[in-house]
C-alpha atoms as a PDB file:
ATOM      1  CA  MET A   1      11.250   8.184  -5.502  1.00  0.00           C
ATOM      2  CA  ILE A   2       9.629   4.651  -5.524  1.00  0.00           C
ATOM      3  CA  THR A   3       6.299   3.793  -4.486  1.00  0.00           C
ATOM      4  CA  ALA A   4       5.255   0.302  -3.265  1.00  0.00           C
ATOM      5  CA  LEU A   5       1.924  -1.192  -2.920  1.00  0.00           C
ATOM      6  CA  ALA A   6       1.960  -3.891  -0.051  1.00  0.00           C
ATOM      7  CA  GLY A   7       0.371  -6.381   2.099  1.00  0.00           C
ATOM      8  CA  GLY A   8       1.360  -9.419   4.149  1.00  0.00           C
ATOM      9  CA  VAL A   9       4.433 -11.116   4.682  1.00  0.00           C
ATOM     10  CA  GLY A  10       6.157 -11.127   1.380  1.00  0.00           C
ATOM     11  CA  ALA A  11       5.625  -7.526   1.198  1.00  0.00           C
ATOM     12  CA  ALA A  12       7.425  -7.135   4.363  1.00  0.00           C
ATOM     13  CA  LYS A  13      10.420  -8.909   3.692  1.00  0.00           C
ATOM     14  CA  PHE A  14      10.668  -7.164   0.197  1.00  0.00           C
ATOM     15  CA  LEU A  15      10.435  -3.633   2.010  1.00  0.00           C
ATOM     16  CA  ALA A  16      13.038  -4.592   4.187  1.00  0.00           C
ATOM     17  CA  GLY A  17      15.478  -5.239   1.368  1.00  0.00           C
ATOM     18  CA  LEU A  18      14.087  -2.507  -0.510  1.00  0.00           C
ATOM     19  CA  VAL A  19      15.210  -0.142   2.013  1.00  0.00           C
ATOM     20  CA  ARG A  20      18.847  -2.033   2.053  1.00  0.00           C
ATOM     21  CA  ALA A  21      19.047  -1.131  -1.639  1.00  0.00           C
ATOM     22  CA  VAL A  22      18.100   2.441  -1.976  1.00  0.00           C
ATOM     23  CA  PRO A  23      17.847   5.228   0.757  1.00  0.00           C
ATOM     24  CA  PRO A  24      14.766   4.538   3.029  1.00  0.00           C
ATOM     25  CA  GLU A  25      13.693   7.899   2.627  1.00  0.00           C
ATOM     26  CA  SER A  26      12.880   7.259  -1.043  1.00  0.00           C
ATOM     27  CA  VAL A  27      10.577   4.964  -0.754  1.00  0.00           C
ATOM     28  CA  THR A  28       6.489   5.454   0.105  1.00  0.00           C
ATOM     29  CA  ALA A  29       4.740   2.025   0.949  1.00  0.00           C
ATOM     30  CA  ILE A  30       0.902   2.070   0.493  1.00  0.00           C
ATOM     31  CA  VAL A  31      -0.308  -0.691   2.467  1.00  0.00           C
ATOM     32  CA  ASN A  32      -3.472  -2.473   2.602  1.00  0.00           C
ATOM     33  CA  VAL A  33      -6.037  -2.059   5.387  1.00  0.00           C
ATOM     34  CA  ALA A  34      -8.723  -4.640   4.337  1.00  0.00           C
ATOM     35  CA  ASP A  35      -7.663  -7.061   6.636  1.00  0.00           C
ATOM     36  CA  ASP A  36      -8.056  -4.616   9.881  1.00  0.00           C
ATOM     37  CA  ASP A  37     -10.277  -5.758  12.705  1.00  0.00           C
ATOM     38  CA  THR A  38     -11.091  -5.065  16.078  1.00  0.00           C
ATOM     39  CA  PHE A  39     -10.191  -7.754  18.973  1.00  0.00           C
ATOM     40  CA  HIS A  40     -10.859  -7.070  22.732  1.00  0.00           C
ATOM     41  CA  GLY A  41     -11.556  -3.634  21.756  1.00  0.00           C
ATOM     42  CA  LEU A  42      -8.390  -2.701  20.058  1.00  0.00           C
ATOM     43  CA  HIS A  43      -8.128  -1.917  16.418  1.00  0.00           C
ATOM     44  CA  VAL A  44      -5.358  -4.048  14.908  1.00  0.00           C
ATOM     45  CA  SER A  45      -3.767  -3.642  11.574  1.00  0.00           C
ATOM     46  CA  PRO A  46      -2.110  -6.633  10.660  1.00  0.00           C
ATOM     47  CA  ASP A  47      -0.552  -5.734   7.471  1.00  0.00           C
ATOM     48  CA  LEU A  48       0.858  -2.159   8.507  1.00  0.00           C
ATOM     49  CA  ASP A  49       2.196  -3.662  11.373  1.00  0.00           C
ATOM     50  CA  SER A  50       3.951  -6.591   9.704  1.00  0.00           C
ATOM     51  CA  VAL A  51       5.491  -4.017   7.465  1.00  0.00           C
ATOM     52  CA  THR A  52       6.379  -1.486  10.310  1.00  0.00           C
ATOM     53  CA  TYR A  53       8.256  -4.184  12.625  1.00  0.00           C
ATOM     54  CA  ALA A  54       9.797  -5.607   9.378  1.00  0.00           C
ATOM     55  CA  LEU A  55      11.471  -2.254   8.419  1.00  0.00           C
ATOM     56  CA  ALA A  56      12.190  -1.498  11.986  1.00  0.00           C
ATOM     57  CA  GLY A  57      13.874  -4.943  12.576  1.00  0.00           C
ATOM     58  CA  VAL A  58      11.851  -5.914  15.335  1.00  0.00           C
ATOM     59  CA  ASN A  59       9.780  -8.369  13.519  1.00  0.00           C
ATOM     60  CA  ASN A  60       9.329 -12.196  14.433  1.00  0.00           C
ATOM     61  CA  ALA A  61      11.211 -13.482  11.193  1.00  0.00           C
ATOM     62  CA  ALA A  62      10.599 -16.996  12.021  1.00  0.00           C
ATOM     63  CA  LEU A  63       6.871 -16.349  12.152  1.00  0.00           C
ATOM     64  CA  GLY A  64       6.323 -13.906   9.650  1.00  0.00           C
ATOM     65  CA  TRP A  65       4.404 -11.629  11.532  1.00  0.00           C
ATOM     66  CA  GLY A  66       4.135 -10.054  15.133  1.00  0.00           C
ATOM     67  CA  ARG A  67       7.440  -9.058  17.209  1.00  0.00           C
ATOM     68  CA  ALA A  68      10.672 -10.851  18.071  1.00  0.00           C
ATOM     69  CA  ASP A  69      11.101 -11.938  21.578  1.00  0.00           C
ATOM     70  CA  GLU A  70       7.661 -11.511  22.053  1.00  0.00           C
ATOM     71  CA  SER A  71       5.424 -13.127  24.798  1.00  0.00           C
ATOM     72  CA  PHE A  72       1.757 -14.073  25.112  1.00  0.00           C
ATOM     73  CA  ARG A  73       1.045 -13.700  28.919  1.00  0.00           C
ATOM     74  CA  THR A  74      -1.766 -11.319  28.615  1.00  0.00           C
ATOM     75  CA  ILE A  75      -3.685 -13.232  26.146  1.00  0.00           C
ATOM     76  CA  ASP A  76      -2.949 -16.551  28.130  1.00  0.00           C
ATOM     77  CA  GLU A  77      -4.661 -14.652  31.043  1.00  0.00           C
ATOM     78  CA  LEU A  78      -7.682 -13.715  29.047  1.00  0.00           C
ATOM     79  CA  ASP A  79      -8.268 -17.436  28.443  1.00  0.00           C
ATOM     80  CA  ARG A  80      -8.563 -17.959  32.130  1.00  0.00           C
ATOM     81  CA  PHE A  81     -12.064 -16.145  32.024  1.00  0.00           C
ATOM     82  CA  GLY A  82     -13.126 -17.853  28.697  1.00  0.00           C
ATOM     83  CA  SER A  83     -12.406 -15.187  26.217  1.00  0.00           C
ATOM     84  CA  ASP A  84     -12.331 -15.820  22.711  1.00  0.00           C
ATOM     85  CA  THR A  85      -8.544 -15.783  22.004  1.00  0.00           C
ATOM     86  CA  TRP A  86      -7.970 -17.517  18.445  1.00  0.00           C
ATOM     87  CA  PHE A  87      -6.655 -14.372  17.314  1.00  0.00           C
ATOM     88  CA  ARG A  88      -3.573 -14.030  19.470  1.00  0.00           C
ATOM     89  CA  LEU A  89      -2.038 -10.842  20.319  1.00  0.00           C
ATOM     90  CA  GLY A  90       1.581 -10.527  21.641  1.00  0.00           C
ATOM     91  CA  ASP A  91       2.236  -8.560  24.683  1.00  0.00           C
ATOM     92  CA  LEU A  92       4.773  -6.198  23.083  1.00  0.00           C
ATOM     93  CA  ASP A  93       2.386  -6.120  20.100  1.00  0.00           C
ATOM     94  CA  LEU A  94      -0.597  -4.733  22.212  1.00  0.00           C
ATOM     95  CA  ALA A  95       1.424  -1.608  22.949  1.00  0.00           C
ATOM     96  CA  THR A  96       0.801  -0.651  19.134  1.00  0.00           C
ATOM     97  CA  HIS A  97      -2.886  -1.580  19.281  1.00  0.00           C
ATOM     98  CA  LEU A  98      -3.506   0.501  22.255  1.00  0.00           C
ATOM     99  CA  TYR A  99      -1.986   3.474  21.129  1.00  0.00           C
ATOM    100  CA  ARG A 100      -3.628   2.888  17.699  1.00  0.00           C
ATOM    101  CA  THR A 101      -7.186   2.359  19.393  1.00  0.00           C
ATOM    102  CA  GLU A 102      -6.395   5.741  21.484  1.00  0.00           C
ATOM    103  CA  GLN A 103      -5.493   7.908  18.891  1.00  0.00           C
ATOM    104  CA  LEU A 104      -8.330   6.931  16.359  1.00  0.00           C
ATOM    105  CA  ARG A 105     -10.845   6.916  19.299  1.00  0.00           C
ATOM    106  CA  ALA A 106      -9.559  10.730  19.945  1.00  0.00           C
ATOM    107  CA  GLY A 107     -10.255  11.483  16.216  1.00  0.00           C
ATOM    108  CA  ARG A 108      -6.857  11.294  14.434  1.00  0.00           C
ATOM    109  CA  PRO A 109      -7.377   9.514  11.158  1.00  0.00           C
ATOM    110  CA  LEU A 110      -5.347   6.468  10.692  1.00  0.00           C
ATOM    111  CA  SER A 111      -2.918   7.860   8.350  1.00  0.00           C
ATOM    112  CA  ALA A 112      -1.698  10.158  10.803  1.00  0.00           C
ATOM    113  CA  VAL A 113      -1.505   7.365  13.632  1.00  0.00           C
ATOM    114  CA  THR A 114       0.429   5.311  11.101  1.00  0.00           C
ATOM    115  CA  VAL A 115       3.001   8.326  10.719  1.00  0.00           C
ATOM    116  CA  ALA A 116       3.375   8.605  14.403  1.00  0.00           C
ATOM    117  CA  ILE A 117       3.871   4.680  14.990  1.00  0.00           C
ATOM    118  CA  ALA A 118       6.826   4.669  12.055  1.00  0.00           C
ATOM    119  CA  GLU A 119       8.261   7.514  13.822  1.00  0.00           C
ATOM    120  CA  GLY A 120       8.142   5.835  17.171  1.00  0.00           C
ATOM    121  CA  PHE A 121       9.852   2.715  15.498  1.00  0.00           C
ATOM    122  CA  GLY A 122      12.509   5.252  13.782  1.00  0.00           C
ATOM    123  CA  ILE A 123      11.656   4.372  10.538  1.00  0.00           C
ATOM    124  CA  ARG A 124      12.520   6.603   7.710  1.00  0.00           C
ATOM    125  CA  THR A 125      10.235   5.231   4.884  1.00  0.00           C
ATOM    126  CA  ARG A 126       6.902   6.822   4.385  1.00  0.00           C
ATOM    127  CA  LEU A 127       4.311   4.563   5.158  1.00  0.00           C
ATOM    128  CA  LEU A 128       0.877   5.091   4.174  1.00  0.00           C
ATOM    129  CA  PRO A 129      -2.652   3.207   4.474  1.00  0.00           C
ATOM    130  CA  VAL A 130      -4.207   2.954   1.554  1.00  0.00           C
ATOM    131  CA  THR A 131      -7.498   4.885   2.911  1.00  0.00           C
ATOM    132  CA  ASP A 132      -8.561   6.122   6.236  1.00  0.00           C
ATOM    133  CA  ASP A 133     -11.945   4.942   5.472  1.00  0.00           C
ATOM    134  CA  ARG A 134     -13.447   1.729   6.499  1.00  0.00           C
ATOM    135  CA  VAL A 135     -12.675  -1.074   3.796  1.00  0.00           C
ATOM    136  CA  ALA A 136     -13.084  -4.711   4.685  1.00  0.00           C
ATOM    137  CA  THR A 137     -12.494  -8.113   2.968  1.00  0.00           C
ATOM    138  CA  ARG A 138     -15.185 -10.230   3.024  1.00  0.00           C
ATOM    139  CA  ILE A 139     -14.862 -13.821   1.982  1.00  0.00           C
ATOM    140  CA  THR A 140     -17.724 -15.984   1.154  1.00  0.00           C
ATOM    141  CA  ALA A 141     -17.190 -19.783   1.624  1.00  0.00           C
ATOM    142  CA  ALA A 142     -18.480 -23.326   2.559  1.00  0.00           C
ATOM    143  CA  ASP A 143     -20.241 -22.911   6.177  1.00  0.00           C
ATOM    144  CA  PRO A 144     -18.517 -25.847   8.226  1.00  0.00           C
ATOM    145  CA  ALA A 145     -21.402 -25.940  10.640  1.00  0.00           C
ATOM    146  CA  GLY A 146     -23.948 -25.816   7.734  1.00  0.00           C
ATOM    147  CA  PRO A 147     -25.428 -28.616   5.478  1.00  0.00           C
ATOM    148  CA  ALA A 148     -23.814 -29.908   2.181  1.00  0.00           C
ATOM    149  CA  GLY A 149     -23.636 -27.043  -0.320  1.00  0.00           C
ATOM    150  CA  ALA A 150     -24.448 -23.988   2.231  1.00  0.00           C
ATOM    151  CA  THR A 151     -21.776 -21.120   2.387  1.00  0.00           C
ATOM    152  CA  ARG A 152     -21.524 -18.053   4.999  1.00  0.00           C
ATOM    153  CA  GLU A 153     -19.699 -14.788   4.856  1.00  0.00           C
ATOM    154  CA  PHE A 154     -16.481 -14.539   6.636  1.00  0.00           C
ATOM    155  CA  ALA A 155     -14.350 -11.712   7.789  1.00  0.00           C
ATOM    156  CA  MET A 156     -10.857 -11.765   6.646  1.00  0.00           C
ATOM    157  CA  GLN A 157      -9.276 -12.690   9.732  1.00  0.00           C
ATOM    158  CA  GLU A 158     -12.140 -15.235  10.685  1.00  0.00           C
ATOM    159  CA  TRP A 159     -11.422 -17.112   7.589  1.00  0.00           C
ATOM    160  CA  PHE A 160      -7.591 -16.900   7.559  1.00  0.00           C
ATOM    161  CA  VAL A 161      -6.739 -17.430  11.499  1.00  0.00           C
ATOM    162  CA  ARG A 162      -9.844 -18.786  13.078  1.00  0.00           C
ATOM    163  CA  GLU A 163     -10.802 -21.569  10.005  1.00  0.00           C
ATOM    164  CA  ARG A 164      -7.190 -21.963   9.072  1.00  0.00           C
ATOM    165  CA  CYS A 165      -8.169 -21.049   5.318  1.00  0.00           C
ATOM    166  CA  GLU A 166     -10.129 -24.307   5.386  1.00  0.00           C
ATOM    167  CA  PRO A 167     -13.426 -23.432   4.046  1.00  0.00           C
ATOM    168  CA  ALA A 168     -13.572 -23.579   0.167  1.00  0.00           C
ATOM    169  CA  VAL A 169     -13.779 -19.738  -0.980  1.00  0.00           C
ATOM    170  CA  VAL A 170     -16.686 -19.027  -3.506  1.00  0.00           C
ATOM    171  CA  ALA A 171     -16.281 -15.362  -3.928  1.00  0.00           C
ATOM    172  CA  VAL A 172     -14.155 -12.328  -2.205  1.00  0.00           C
ATOM    173  CA  HIS A 173     -15.341  -8.985  -2.077  1.00  0.00           C
ATOM    174  CA  PHE A 174     -14.177  -5.507  -0.441  1.00  0.00           C
ATOM    175  CA  ASP A 175     -17.043  -4.146   1.547  1.00  0.00           C
ATOM    176  CA  GLY A 176     -16.586  -0.050   1.365  1.00  0.00           C
ATOM    177  CA  ALA A 177     -14.076  -0.064  -1.278  1.00  0.00           C
ATOM    178  CA  ASP A 178     -16.482   1.525  -3.728  1.00  0.00           C
ATOM    179  CA  ALA A 179     -16.727   4.849  -1.533  1.00  0.00           C
ATOM    180  CA  ALA A 180     -13.346   4.885   0.020  1.00  0.00           C
ATOM    181  CA  ARG A 181     -11.333   7.338  -0.589  1.00  0.00           C
ATOM    182  CA  PRO A 182      -7.497   7.165  -0.989  1.00  0.00           C
ATOM    183  CA  ALA A 183      -5.608   8.487   2.124  1.00  0.00           C
ATOM    184  CA  PRO A 184      -3.683  11.868   2.075  1.00  0.00           C
ATOM    185  CA  GLY A 185      -0.857  11.446   0.157  1.00  0.00           C
ATOM    186  CA  VAL A 186      -1.564   8.156  -1.689  1.00  0.00           C
ATOM    187  CA  LEU A 187      -2.510   9.400  -5.267  1.00  0.00           C
ATOM    188  CA  GLU A 188       0.288  12.127  -5.212  1.00  0.00           C
ATOM    189  CA  ALA A 189       3.056   9.279  -4.387  1.00  0.00           C
ATOM    190  CA  LEU A 190       1.657   7.343  -7.194  1.00  0.00           C
ATOM    191  CA  HIS A 191       1.580  10.102  -9.727  1.00  0.00           C
ATOM    192  CA  THR A 192       5.202  11.083  -8.926  1.00  0.00           C
ATOM    193  CA  ALA A 193       6.918   7.652  -8.450  1.00  0.00           C
ATOM    194  CA  GLU A 194       9.830   6.897 -10.816  1.00  0.00           C
ATOM    195  CA  THR A 195       9.027   3.223 -10.239  1.00  0.00           C
ATOM    196  CA  ILE A 196       5.626   1.645  -9.018  1.00  0.00           C
ATOM    197  CA  VAL A 197       6.398  -1.797  -7.456  1.00  0.00           C
ATOM    198  CA  LEU A 198       3.592  -4.516  -6.550  1.00  0.00           C
ATOM    199  CA  CYS A 199       5.127  -6.346  -3.674  1.00  0.00           C
ATOM    200  CA  PRO A 200       5.331 -10.184  -3.936  1.00  0.00           C
ATOM    201  CA  SER A 201       1.954 -10.207  -2.197  1.00  0.00           C
ATOM    202  CA  ASN A 202      -1.194 -11.957  -2.332  1.00  0.00           C
ATOM    203  CA  PRO A 203      -3.043 -10.903  -5.370  1.00  0.00           C
ATOM    204  CA  VAL A 204      -6.576 -11.367  -4.312  1.00  0.00           C
ATOM    205  CA  ILE A 205      -6.914 -10.044  -0.578  1.00  0.00           C
ATOM    206  CA  SER A 206      -3.413  -8.112  -0.196  1.00  0.00           C
ATOM    207  CA  ILE A 207      -3.125  -6.062  -3.769  1.00  0.00           C
ATOM    208  CA  GLY A 208      -6.790  -6.669  -4.493  1.00  0.00           C
ATOM    209  CA  PRO A 209      -8.274  -4.214  -2.069  1.00  0.00           C
ATOM    210  CA  LEU A 210      -5.706  -1.914  -2.993  1.00  0.00           C
ATOM    211  CA  LEU A 211      -6.766  -1.443  -6.662  1.00  0.00           C
ATOM    212  CA  ALA A 212     -10.380  -1.617  -5.481  1.00  0.00           C
ATOM    213  CA  VAL A 213     -10.047   1.937  -3.774  1.00  0.00           C
ATOM    214  CA  ARG A 214     -10.873   4.590  -6.311  1.00  0.00           C
ATOM    215  CA  GLY A 215      -8.682   6.266  -8.452  1.00  0.00           C
ATOM    216  CA  ILE A 216      -5.468   3.576  -7.926  1.00  0.00           C
ATOM    217  CA  ARG A 217      -6.056   1.043 -10.521  1.00  0.00           C
ATOM    218  CA  ASP A 218      -6.629   3.901 -13.188  1.00  0.00           C
ATOM    219  CA  ILE A 219      -3.211   5.292 -11.822  1.00  0.00           C
ATOM    220  CA  LEU A 220      -1.353   2.217 -12.569  1.00  0.00           C
ATOM    221  CA  ALA A 221      -2.948   1.572 -15.771  1.00  0.00           C
ATOM    222  CA  ALA A 222      -1.943   5.066 -16.956  1.00  0.00           C
ATOM    223  CA  ARG A 223       1.649   4.682 -15.651  1.00  0.00           C
ATOM    224  CA  ARG A 224       1.642   0.881 -16.607  1.00  0.00           C
ATOM    225  CA  ASP A 225       5.615   1.207 -17.943  1.00  0.00           C
ATOM    226  CA  HIS A 226       6.523   2.481 -14.449  1.00  0.00           C
ATOM    227  CA  VAL A 227       4.744  -0.530 -12.677  1.00  0.00           C
ATOM    228  CA  VAL A 228       6.730  -3.485 -11.970  1.00  0.00           C
ATOM    229  CA  ALA A 229       5.681  -6.572  -9.881  1.00  0.00           C
ATOM    230  CA  ILE A 230       7.073  -9.672  -8.334  1.00  0.00           C
ATOM    231  CA  SER A 231       5.083 -12.815  -8.282  1.00  0.00           C
ATOM    232  CA  PRO A 232       4.383 -14.453  -5.296  1.00  0.00           C
ATOM    233  CA  ILE A 233       3.367 -17.617  -6.943  1.00  0.00           C
ATOM    234  CA  VAL A 234       6.843 -19.871  -7.391  1.00  0.00           C
ATOM    235  CA  GLY A 235       6.830 -23.258  -8.876  1.00  0.00           C
ATOM    236  CA  GLY A 236       2.684 -22.819  -8.916  1.00  0.00           C
ATOM    237  CA  ALA A 237       2.623 -22.449  -5.246  1.00  0.00           C
ATOM    238  CA  PRO A 238       2.423 -19.593  -3.184  1.00  0.00           C
ATOM    239  CA  VAL A 239       5.534 -19.082  -1.151  1.00  0.00           C
ATOM    240  CA  LYS A 240       3.504 -18.543   2.115  1.00  0.00           C
ATOM    241  CA  GLY A 241      -0.041 -18.229   2.729  1.00  0.00           C
ATOM    242  CA  PRO A 242      -3.220 -19.034   1.002  1.00  0.00           C
ATOM    243  CA  ALA A 243      -3.087 -17.397  -2.402  1.00  0.00           C
ATOM    244  CA  ASP A 244      -3.736 -20.676  -4.099  1.00  0.00           C
ATOM    245  CA  ARG A 245      -7.050 -21.116  -2.072  1.00  0.00           C
ATOM    246  CA  LEU A 246      -8.152 -18.045  -3.542  1.00  0.00           C
ATOM    247  CA  MET A 247      -6.886 -17.705  -6.898  1.00  0.00           C
ATOM    248  CA  GLY A 248      -7.853 -20.865  -8.152  1.00  0.00           C
ATOM    249  CA  PRO A 249     -11.704 -20.581  -7.206  1.00  0.00           C
ATOM    250  CA  LEU A 250     -11.777 -17.284  -8.405  1.00  0.00           C
ATOM    251  CA  GLY A 251     -10.656 -18.453 -11.839  1.00  0.00           C
ATOM    252  CA  ILE A 252      -7.021 -17.015 -11.624  1.00  0.00           C
ATOM    253  CA  GLU A 253      -4.297 -19.787 -12.670  1.00  0.00           C
ATOM    254  CA  VAL A 254      -1.833 -20.492  -9.814  1.00  0.00           C
ATOM    255  CA  SER A 255       1.103 -19.544 -11.515  1.00  0.00           C
ATOM    256  CA  CYS A 256       3.317 -16.576 -12.344  1.00  0.00           C
ATOM    257  CA  VAL A 257       1.253 -16.893 -15.590  1.00  0.00           C
ATOM    258  CA  GLY A 258      -1.921 -16.480 -13.377  1.00  0.00           C
ATOM    259  CA  VAL A 259      -0.615 -13.399 -11.978  1.00  0.00           C
ATOM    260  CA  ALA A 260       0.711 -11.978 -15.090  1.00  0.00           C
ATOM    261  CA  ARG A 261      -2.946 -12.053 -16.632  1.00  0.00           C
ATOM    262  CA  GLU A 262      -4.083 -10.464 -13.645  1.00  0.00           C
ATOM    263  CA  TYR A 263      -1.882  -7.745 -13.596  1.00  0.00           C
ATOM    264  CA  ALA A 264      -1.744  -7.308 -17.380  1.00  0.00           C
ATOM    265  CA  ALA A 265      -3.735  -4.070 -17.668  1.00  0.00           C
ATOM    266  CA  LEU A 266      -1.853  -2.434 -14.896  1.00  0.00           C
ATOM    267  CA  CYS A 267       1.744  -3.334 -15.173  1.00  0.00           C
ATOM    268  CA  GLY A 268       4.551  -3.548 -17.519  1.00  0.00           C
ATOM    269  CA  THR A 269       6.810  -5.796 -15.890  1.00  0.00           C
ATOM    270  CA  LEU A 270       6.797  -8.969 -14.213  1.00  0.00           C
ATOM    271  CA  VAL A 271       9.765 -10.556 -12.089  1.00  0.00           C
ATOM    272  CA  VAL A 272       9.445 -14.506 -11.611  1.00  0.00           C
ATOM    273  CA  ASP A 273      11.545 -16.873  -9.650  1.00  0.00           C
ATOM    274  CA  ALA A 274      14.392 -18.833 -11.640  1.00  0.00           C
ATOM    275  CA  VAL A 275      12.275 -22.121 -11.377  1.00  0.00           C
ATOM    276  CA  ASP A 276       9.876 -20.435 -13.400  1.00  0.00           C
ATOM    277  CA  ARG A 277      12.112 -19.550 -16.200  1.00  0.00           C
ATOM    278  CA  HIS A 278      10.568 -21.983 -18.655  1.00  0.00           C
ATOM    279  CA  ARG A 279       7.149 -19.848 -18.342  1.00  0.00           C
ATOM    280  CA  ALA A 280       8.796 -16.593 -19.520  1.00  0.00           C
ATOM    281  CA  GLY A 281       7.650 -16.625 -22.805  1.00  0.00           C
ATOM    282  CA  GLU A 282       3.663 -17.246 -21.346  1.00  0.00           C
ATOM    283  CA  VAL A 283       4.367 -14.192 -19.226  1.00  0.00           C
ATOM    284  CA  GLU A 284       5.542 -12.296 -22.271  1.00  0.00           C
ATOM    285  CA  SER A 285       2.273 -13.452 -24.204  1.00  0.00           C
ATOM    286  CA  ALA A 286       0.237 -11.950 -21.854  1.00  0.00           C
ATOM    287  CA  GLY A 287       1.878  -8.484 -22.476  1.00  0.00           C
ATOM    288  CA  LEU A 288       4.336  -8.033 -19.831  1.00  0.00           C
ATOM    289  CA  ARG A 289       7.994  -8.442 -19.800  1.00  0.00           C
ATOM    290  CA  CYS A 290       9.584 -11.137 -17.900  1.00  0.00           C
ATOM    291  CA  ILE A 291      12.430 -10.734 -15.626  1.00  0.00           C
ATOM    292  CA  VAL A 292      13.922 -14.175 -14.042  1.00  0.00           C
ATOM    293  CA  ALA A 293      15.482 -13.507 -10.547  1.00  0.00           C
ATOM    294  CA  ASP A 294      15.872 -15.344  -7.284  1.00  0.00           C
ATOM    295  CA  THR A 295      12.861 -14.349  -5.348  1.00  0.00           C
ATOM    296  CA  MET A 296      13.014 -16.673  -2.672  1.00  0.00           C
ATOM    297  CA  MET A 297      13.733 -14.007   0.311  1.00  0.00           C
ATOM    298  CA  HIS A 298      15.738 -16.278   2.626  1.00  0.00           C
ATOM    299  CA  SER A 299      17.854 -13.574   3.969  1.00  0.00           C
ATOM    300  CA  PRO A 300      17.860  -9.673   3.853  1.00  0.00           C
ATOM    301  CA  GLU A 301      20.822 -10.008   1.257  1.00  0.00           C
ATOM    302  CA  ILE A 302      18.549 -11.661  -1.213  1.00  0.00           C
ATOM    303  CA  ALA A 303      15.825  -9.472  -0.671  1.00  0.00           C
ATOM    304  CA  ALA A 304      18.124  -6.536  -1.265  1.00  0.00           C
ATOM    305  CA  ALA A 305      19.419  -8.092  -4.612  1.00  0.00           C
ATOM    306  CA  LEU A 306      16.046  -8.783  -5.652  1.00  0.00           C
ATOM    307  CA  ALA A 307      14.851  -4.818  -5.005  1.00  0.00           C
ATOM    308  CA  ARG A 308      17.820  -4.087  -7.153  1.00  0.00           C
ATOM    309  CA  THR A 309      16.845  -6.465  -9.952  1.00  0.00           C
ATOM    310  CA  THR A 310      13.280  -5.319  -9.537  1.00  0.00           C
ATOM    311  CA  LEU A 311      14.212  -1.457  -9.576  1.00  0.00           C
ATOM    312  CA  ALA A 312      16.416  -2.038 -12.871  1.00  0.00           C
ATOM    313  CA  ALA A 313      13.877  -3.788 -14.710  1.00  0.00           C
ATOM    314  CA  VAL A 314      11.924  -0.319 -14.838  1.00  0.00           C
ATOM    315  CA  ALA A 315      14.646   1.888 -15.170  1.00  0.00           C
END
């Protein structure tokens, strides 16, 4: 059995490759929910949806988020009334958010709703939100509207989407994480997995919130030899997304070596891209075994090959 900690586009791509390499039902994905927010009265779970759509084969591969063959007529109509539409929800995507919101308001926990959505898409992999409780990434960054040196706190999607990651980051915290309880099945999946994979996700805002939920970091540390990570940093830059704008200001070197040092207490093996082969010794000096592979998942076949290499590194 394999348990993966996931968030973001890199994780969605990797998981889609993983289920080509092993039976889908042998995989449990524990997914970040600290990016969740409410838009137009709807509960939106961006990371859960990216993983769901990728595993169902209905994702927009070009954008890396949302649905394939999407339209945006509803959000465009909201512009007519002057609604705030910087977070654009597609028409097909809206159905997922409508269902999730309806079920949450009826009293079902997010974990149960996630199972129902996965079943609706015919997904055989087990998807779990890391928690049913509210955890929210908050980013303290330069205030674009304030005087020089002024900062303000942004919700994750405000900084990431509305502000296009431009305000310089000062600090990141996960509101509610201290009190959050792991969702049903999360700790069991980590305890019983033959291999635990940290997907090639942003270590600060995708993996960080997962590790902040109580109990998870401790299990990974105790089972370190069973934990393998894939670096999301290739050649000193993120493959996609704003990891560099978060890691650097927080004192994490923007490299596979920085990722290794960040994960050293939790992870026994790090998979790095071939372009970073020359840094393998530094990764191993950080205390991790280093495996070199093609981590640029330009096709499902490459993603599946990466998954096989990742699993073999622990086996």
